[in-house]
């Protein structure tokens, strides 16, 4: 019985190691592409992640596959944050916190623009898929907040994110993040229903 259990653990270990390597490569690549652009060598990324180049190629057969995977992983983390915040926070607080997470997502996307724009297949499919996931997340969080009776929302929930993204697109450097954070608080305050009154 113990032998069988040891075999089962041994069989699972490589998969766990492989997933850790994959996630480490994605995090390392995200930073590398943001700082050094799409020209950074895959060998440098593998070395910085502490794995061999063969390990990188087993997960990501080419540069485009790695760039796309980094972007998809960031979107998946954003979507997962919406679920996590919805489960552990009051509705309006969850909406606000997720919009702050969205600011970090936009910052990462900005840093990766040169790499994303280097994709041979373009970004249309990638952005379309992420757009659907982001819309579903903001709609879920906004619906919960409206159902709580604390806010009133007469616009498309996605317009809240468009407003935040507009601040990012209109500003240079990282100074926009502070302005975007203030905008989130202004938006949430403007949506709140005062006790006994609907705004």
C-alpha atoms as a PDB file:
ATOM      1  CA  UNK A   1       0.000   0.000   0.000  1.00  0.00           C
ATOM      2  CA  UNK A   2       2.833   2.376   0.920  1.00  0.00           C
ATOM      3  CA  UNK A   3       4.621   1.465  -2.308  1.00  0.00           C
ATOM      4  CA  UNK A   4       1.543   2.348  -4.360  1.00  0.00           C
ATOM      5  CA  UNK A   5       1.175   5.648  -2.506  1.00  0.00           C
ATOM      6  CA  UNK A   6       4.838   6.516  -3.170  1.00  0.00           C
ATOM      7  CA  UNK A   7       4.366   5.713  -6.861  1.00  0.00           C
ATOM      8  CA  UNK A   8       1.305   7.961  -6.968  1.00  0.00           C
ATOM      9  CA  UNK A   9       3.206  10.849  -5.335  1.00  0.00           C
ATOM     10  CA  UNK A  10       6.149  10.325  -7.691  1.00  0.00           C
ATOM     11  CA  UNK A  11       3.805  10.408 -10.676  1.00  0.00           C
ATOM     12  CA  UNK A  12       2.300  13.711  -9.534  1.00  0.00           C
ATOM     13  CA  UNK A  13       5.576  15.452  -8.690  1.00  0.00           C
ATOM     14  CA  UNK A  14       6.808  16.078 -12.252  1.00  0.00           C
ATOM     15  CA  UNK A  15       3.484  17.698 -13.160  1.00  0.00           C
ATOM     16  CA  UNK A  16       3.670  19.990 -10.127  1.00  0.00           C
ATOM     17  CA  UNK A  17       7.271  20.884 -10.961  1.00  0.00           C
ATOM     18  CA  UNK A  18       6.338  21.536 -14.566  1.00  0.00           C
ATOM     19  CA  UNK A  19       3.523  23.880 -13.528  1.00  0.00           C
ATOM     20  CA  UNK A  20       5.835  25.774 -11.176  1.00  0.00           C
ATOM     21  CA  UNK A  21       8.371  26.124 -14.005  1.00  0.00           C
ATOM     22  CA  UNK A  22       5.671  27.350 -16.378  1.00  0.00           C
ATOM     23  CA  UNK A  23       4.440  29.991 -13.929  1.00  0.00           C
ATOM     24  CA  UNK A  24       7.998  31.095 -13.149  1.00  0.00           C
ATOM     25  CA  UNK A  25       8.701  31.467 -16.864  1.00  0.00           C
ATOM     26  CA  UNK A  26       5.537  33.540 -17.338  1.00  0.00           C
ATOM     27  CA  UNK A  27       6.414  35.909 -14.481  1.00  0.00           C
ATOM     28  CA  UNK A  28      10.016  36.248 -15.662  1.00  0.00           C
ATOM     29  CA  UNK A  29       8.953  36.818 -19.263  1.00  0.00           C
ATOM     30  CA  UNK A  30       6.410  39.467 -18.226  1.00  0.00           C
ATOM     31  CA  UNK A  31       9.127  41.503 -16.523  1.00  0.00           C
ATOM     32  CA  UNK A  32      11.645  40.894 -19.296  1.00  0.00           C
ATOM     33  CA  UNK A  33       9.303  41.964 -22.093  1.00  0.00           C
ATOM     34  CA  UNK A  34       8.224  45.060 -20.150  1.00  0.00           C
ATOM     35  CA  UNK A  35      11.779  46.165 -19.361  1.00  0.00           C
ATOM     36  CA  UNK A  36      13.739  45.000 -22.395  1.00  0.00           C
ATOM     37  CA  UNK A  37      11.105  44.735 -25.102  1.00  0.00           C
ATOM     38  CA  UNK A  38      10.262  41.895 -27.487  1.00  0.00           C
ATOM     39  CA  UNK A  39      13.900  41.488 -28.551  1.00  0.00           C
ATOM     40  CA  UNK A  40      14.980  39.965 -25.206  1.00  0.00           C
ATOM     41  CA  UNK A  41      16.385  36.503 -25.899  1.00  0.00           C
ATOM     42  CA  UNK A  42      14.483  33.426 -24.813  1.00  0.00           C
ATOM     43  CA  UNK A  43      17.771  32.080 -23.437  1.00  0.00           C
ATOM     44  CA  UNK A  44      17.987  35.077 -21.086  1.00  0.00           C
ATOM     45  CA  UNK A  45      14.401  34.524 -19.955  1.00  0.00           C
ATOM     46  CA  UNK A  46      15.049  30.845 -19.261  1.00  0.00           C
ATOM     47  CA  UNK A  47      18.248  31.639 -17.368  1.00  0.00           C
ATOM     48  CA  UNK A  48      16.552  34.338 -15.274  1.00  0.00           C
ATOM     49  CA  UNK A  49      13.755  31.885 -14.463  1.00  0.00           C
ATOM     50  CA  UNK A  50      16.304  29.312 -13.348  1.00  0.00           C
ATOM     51  CA  UNK A  51      15.437  26.712 -15.976  1.00  0.00           C
ATOM     52  CA  UNK A  52      17.044  25.391 -19.134  1.00  0.00           C
ATOM     53  CA  UNK A  53      16.064  26.595 -22.597  1.00  0.00           C
ATOM     54  CA  UNK A  54      14.660  23.135 -23.302  1.00  0.00           C
ATOM     55  CA  UNK A  55      12.191  23.588 -20.456  1.00  0.00           C
ATOM     56  CA  UNK A  56      11.073  26.906 -21.917  1.00  0.00           C
ATOM     57  CA  UNK A  57      10.525  25.368 -25.357  1.00  0.00           C
ATOM     58  CA  UNK A  58       8.567  22.458 -23.877  1.00  0.00           C
ATOM     59  CA  UNK A  59       6.039  24.940 -22.533  1.00  0.00           C
ATOM     60  CA  UNK A  60       6.264  27.619 -25.230  1.00  0.00           C
ATOM     61  CA  UNK A  61       7.434  26.454 -28.672  1.00  0.00           C
ATOM     62  CA  UNK A  62       8.323  29.973 -29.851  1.00  0.00           C
ATOM     63  CA  UNK A  63       8.485  33.637 -28.827  1.00  0.00           C
ATOM     64  CA  UNK A  64       4.940  34.405 -29.986  1.00  0.00           C
ATOM     65  CA  UNK A  65       3.547  31.526 -27.930  1.00  0.00           C
ATOM     66  CA  UNK A  66       5.314  32.868 -24.840  1.00  0.00           C
ATOM     67  CA  UNK A  67       4.127  36.451 -25.351  1.00  0.00           C
ATOM     68  CA  UNK A  68       0.525  35.307 -25.877  1.00  0.00           C
ATOM     69  CA  UNK A  69       0.709  33.034 -22.833  1.00  0.00           C
ATOM     70  CA  UNK A  70       1.964  35.878 -20.631  1.00  0.00           C
ATOM     71  CA  UNK A  71      -0.959  38.052 -21.700  1.00  0.00           C
ATOM     72  CA  UNK A  72      -3.516  35.259 -21.233  1.00  0.00           C
ATOM     73  CA  UNK A  73      -2.104  34.494 -17.789  1.00  0.00           C
ATOM     74  CA  UNK A  74      -2.501  38.130 -16.725  1.00  0.00           C
ATOM     75  CA  UNK A  75      -6.121  38.089 -17.895  1.00  0.00           C
ATOM     76  CA  UNK A  76      -6.779  34.810 -16.076  1.00  0.00           C
ATOM     77  CA  UNK A  77      -5.376  36.298 -12.866  1.00  0.00           C
ATOM     78  CA  UNK A  78      -7.652  39.327 -13.270  1.00  0.00           C
ATOM     79  CA  UNK A  79     -10.686  37.079 -13.751  1.00  0.00           C
ATOM     80  CA  UNK A  80      -9.715  34.922 -10.783  1.00  0.00           C
ATOM     81  CA  UNK A  81      -9.354  38.076  -8.662  1.00  0.00           C
ATOM     82  CA  UNK A  82     -12.980  38.966  -9.464  1.00  0.00           C
ATOM     83  CA  UNK A  83     -14.171  35.565  -8.231  1.00  0.00           C
ATOM     84  CA  UNK A  84     -11.990  35.712  -5.120  1.00  0.00           C
ATOM     85  CA  UNK A  85     -13.026  39.237  -4.184  1.00  0.00           C
ATOM     86  CA  UNK A  86     -16.712  38.436  -4.748  1.00  0.00           C
ATOM     87  CA  UNK A  87     -16.477  35.519  -2.340  1.00  0.00           C
ATOM     88  CA  UNK A  88     -14.619  37.323   0.428  1.00  0.00           C
ATOM     89  CA  UNK A  89     -15.873  40.935   0.400  1.00  0.00           C
ATOM     90  CA  UNK A  90     -19.092  42.973   0.538  1.00  0.00           C
ATOM     91  CA  UNK A  91     -20.352  43.670  -3.015  1.00  0.00           C
ATOM     92  CA  UNK A  92     -19.340  47.344  -3.336  1.00  0.00           C
ATOM     93  CA  UNK A  93     -15.956  46.746  -1.691  1.00  0.00           C
ATOM     94  CA  UNK A  94     -15.342  43.826  -4.076  1.00  0.00           C
ATOM     95  CA  UNK A  95     -16.161  46.029  -7.079  1.00  0.00           C
ATOM     96  CA  UNK A  96     -13.814  48.783  -5.896  1.00  0.00           C
ATOM     97  CA  UNK A  97     -10.952  46.411  -5.077  1.00  0.00           C
ATOM     98  CA  UNK A  98     -11.249  44.672  -8.432  1.00  0.00           C
ATOM     99  CA  UNK A  99     -11.131  47.984 -10.272  1.00  0.00           C
ATOM    100  CA  UNK A 100      -7.852  48.671  -8.456  1.00  0.00           C
ATOM    101  CA  UNK A 101      -6.564  45.272  -9.610  1.00  0.00           C
ATOM    102  CA  UNK A 102      -7.630  46.285 -13.130  1.00  0.00           C
ATOM    103  CA  UNK A 103      -5.320  49.324 -12.857  1.00  0.00           C
ATOM    104  CA  UNK A 104      -2.359  46.966 -12.313  1.00  0.00           C
ATOM    105  CA  UNK A 105      -3.553  44.866 -15.258  1.00  0.00           C
ATOM    106  CA  UNK A 106      -3.548  47.944 -17.506  1.00  0.00           C
ATOM    107  CA  UNK A 107      -0.049  48.840 -16.288  1.00  0.00           C
ATOM    108  CA  UNK A 108       1.212  45.368 -17.208  1.00  0.00           C
ATOM    109  CA  UNK A 109      -0.484  45.545 -20.602  1.00  0.00           C
ATOM    110  CA  UNK A 110       1.109  48.930 -21.294  1.00  0.00           C
ATOM    111  CA  UNK A 111       4.541  47.546 -20.469  1.00  0.00           C
ATOM    112  CA  UNK A 112       3.966  44.660 -22.844  1.00  0.00           C
ATOM    113  CA  UNK A 113       2.600  46.664 -25.792  1.00  0.00           C
ATOM    114  CA  UNK A 114       5.824  46.402 -27.857  1.00  0.00           C
ATOM    115  CA  UNK A 115       5.946  42.641 -27.323  1.00  0.00           C
ATOM    116  CA  UNK A 116       2.241  42.201 -28.068  1.00  0.00           C
ATOM    117  CA  UNK A 117       2.534  44.325 -31.207  1.00  0.00           C
ATOM    118  CA  UNK A 118       5.349  42.070 -32.425  1.00  0.00           C
ATOM    119  CA  UNK A 119       3.052  39.023 -32.644  1.00  0.00           C
ATOM    120  CA  UNK A 120       3.052  37.694 -36.191  1.00  0.00           C
ATOM    121  CA  UNK A 121      -0.638  36.773 -35.962  1.00  0.00           C
ATOM    122  CA  UNK A 122      -1.633  40.139 -34.494  1.00  0.00           C
ATOM    123  CA  UNK A 123      -3.561  40.776 -31.297  1.00  0.00           C
ATOM    124  CA  UNK A 124      -7.198  40.753 -32.485  1.00  0.00           C
ATOM    125  CA  UNK A 125      -8.073  37.240 -31.269  1.00  0.00           C
ATOM    126  CA  UNK A 126      -6.104  37.692 -28.049  1.00  0.00           C
ATOM    127  CA  UNK A 127      -7.811  40.984 -27.187  1.00  0.00           C
ATOM    128  CA  UNK A 128     -11.253  39.688 -28.190  1.00  0.00           C
ATOM    129  CA  UNK A 129     -10.960  36.722 -25.818  1.00  0.00           C
ATOM    130  CA  UNK A 130      -9.679  38.834 -22.930  1.00  0.00           C
ATOM    131  CA  UNK A 131     -12.339  41.480 -23.566  1.00  0.00           C
ATOM    132  CA  UNK A 132     -15.100  38.901 -23.141  1.00  0.00           C
ATOM    133  CA  UNK A 133     -13.604  37.642 -19.879  1.00  0.00           C
ATOM    134  CA  UNK A 134     -13.174  41.166 -18.487  1.00  0.00           C
ATOM    135  CA  UNK A 135     -16.732  42.139 -19.444  1.00  0.00           C
ATOM    136  CA  UNK A 136     -18.138  39.082 -17.670  1.00  0.00           C
ATOM    137  CA  UNK A 137     -16.119  39.889 -14.538  1.00  0.00           C
ATOM    138  CA  UNK A 138     -17.163  43.547 -14.271  1.00  0.00           C
ATOM    139  CA  UNK A 139     -20.800  42.679 -15.028  1.00  0.00           C
ATOM    140  CA  UNK A 140     -20.817  40.049 -12.277  1.00  0.00           C
ATOM    141  CA  UNK A 141     -19.302  42.408  -9.711  1.00  0.00           C
ATOM    142  CA  UNK A 142     -21.492  45.351 -10.719  1.00  0.00           C
ATOM    143  CA  UNK A 143     -24.669  43.230 -10.610  1.00  0.00           C
ATOM    144  CA  UNK A 144     -23.848  42.131  -7.073  1.00  0.00           C
ATOM    145  CA  UNK A 145     -23.217  45.719  -6.015  1.00  0.00           C
ATOM    146  CA  UNK A 146     -26.509  46.913  -7.536  1.00  0.00           C
ATOM    147  CA  UNK A 147     -28.414  44.008  -5.980  1.00  0.00           C
ATOM    148  CA  UNK A 148     -27.033  45.001  -2.568  1.00  0.00           C
ATOM    149  CA  UNK A 149     -28.975  48.266  -2.839  1.00  0.00           C
ATOM    150  CA  UNK A 150     -25.850  50.335  -2.142  1.00  0.00           C
ATOM    151  CA  UNK A 151     -25.283  51.652  -5.653  1.00  0.00           C
ATOM    152  CA  UNK A 152     -27.266  52.557  -8.719  1.00  0.00           C
ATOM    153  CA  UNK A 153     -25.751  51.945 -12.145  1.00  0.00           C
ATOM    154  CA  UNK A 154     -27.415  53.440 -15.228  1.00  0.00           C
ATOM    155  CA  UNK A 155     -24.496  52.856 -17.596  1.00  0.00           C
ATOM    156  CA  UNK A 156     -22.791  49.847 -19.105  1.00  0.00           C
ATOM    157  CA  UNK A 157     -20.540  48.458 -16.322  1.00  0.00           C
ATOM    158  CA  UNK A 158     -17.735  48.302 -18.872  1.00  0.00           C
ATOM    159  CA  UNK A 159     -17.822  52.109 -19.040  1.00  0.00           C
ATOM    160  CA  UNK A 160     -16.316  52.159 -15.534  1.00  0.00           C
ATOM    161  CA  UNK A 161     -13.261  50.352 -16.871  1.00  0.00           C
ATOM    162  CA  UNK A 162     -13.172  52.460 -20.025  1.00  0.00           C
ATOM    163  CA  UNK A 163     -12.917  55.567 -17.824  1.00  0.00           C
ATOM    164  CA  UNK A 164      -9.985  54.071 -15.912  1.00  0.00           C
ATOM    165  CA  UNK A 165      -8.274  52.971 -19.131  1.00  0.00           C
ATOM    166  CA  UNK A 166      -8.731  56.464 -20.592  1.00  0.00           C
ATOM    167  CA  UNK A 167      -6.695  57.916 -17.723  1.00  0.00           C
ATOM    168  CA  UNK A 168      -3.919  55.416 -18.480  1.00  0.00           C
ATOM    169  CA  UNK A 169      -3.929  56.225 -22.187  1.00  0.00           C
ATOM    170  CA  UNK A 170      -3.871  59.987 -21.593  1.00  0.00           C
ATOM    171  CA  UNK A 171      -0.884  59.995 -19.230  1.00  0.00           C
ATOM    172  CA  UNK A 172       2.810  59.287 -19.618  1.00  0.00           C
ATOM    173  CA  UNK A 173       4.878  57.193 -17.222  1.00  0.00           C
ATOM    174  CA  UNK A 174       3.406  55.720 -14.064  1.00  0.00           C
ATOM    175  CA  UNK A 175       1.886  58.945 -12.724  1.00  0.00           C
ATOM    176  CA  UNK A 176      -1.465  57.887 -14.172  1.00  0.00           C
ATOM    177  CA  UNK A 177      -1.837  55.107 -11.591  1.00  0.00           C
ATOM    178  CA  UNK A 178      -2.433  57.543  -8.734  1.00  0.00           C
ATOM    179  CA  UNK A 179      -4.948  59.455 -10.863  1.00  0.00           C
ATOM    180  CA  UNK A 180      -6.674  56.206 -11.865  1.00  0.00           C
ATOM    181  CA  UNK A 181      -6.934  55.145  -8.219  1.00  0.00           C
ATOM    182  CA  UNK A 182      -8.541  58.480  -7.322  1.00  0.00           C
ATOM    183  CA  UNK A 183     -10.922  58.073 -10.264  1.00  0.00           C
ATOM    184  CA  UNK A 184     -12.032  54.659  -8.986  1.00  0.00           C
ATOM    185  CA  UNK A 185     -12.978  56.223  -5.646  1.00  0.00           C
ATOM    186  CA  UNK A 186     -14.795  59.067  -7.399  1.00  0.00           C
ATOM    187  CA  UNK A 187     -16.732  56.626  -9.586  1.00  0.00           C
ATOM    188  CA  UNK A 188     -17.737  54.426  -6.660  1.00  0.00           C
ATOM    189  CA  UNK A 189     -18.768  57.457  -4.568  1.00  0.00           C
ATOM    190  CA  UNK A 190     -20.857  58.755  -7.475  1.00  0.00           C
ATOM    191  CA  UNK A 191     -22.706  55.450  -7.794  1.00  0.00           C
ATOM    192  CA  UNK A 192     -23.609  55.143  -4.123  1.00  0.00           C
ATOM    193  CA  UNK A 193     -27.192  55.592  -3.049  1.00  0.00           C
ATOM    194  CA  UNK A 194     -27.523  57.844  -0.029  1.00  0.00           C
ATOM    195  CA  UNK A 195     -29.606  56.550   2.852  1.00  0.00           C
ATOM    196  CA  UNK A 196     -33.257  57.111   1.971  1.00  0.00           C
ATOM    197  CA  UNK A 197     -32.417  58.677  -1.416  1.00  0.00           C
ATOM    198  CA  UNK A 198     -31.527  57.447  -4.844  1.00  0.00           C
ATOM    199  CA  UNK A 199     -28.937  59.624  -6.584  1.00  0.00           C
END
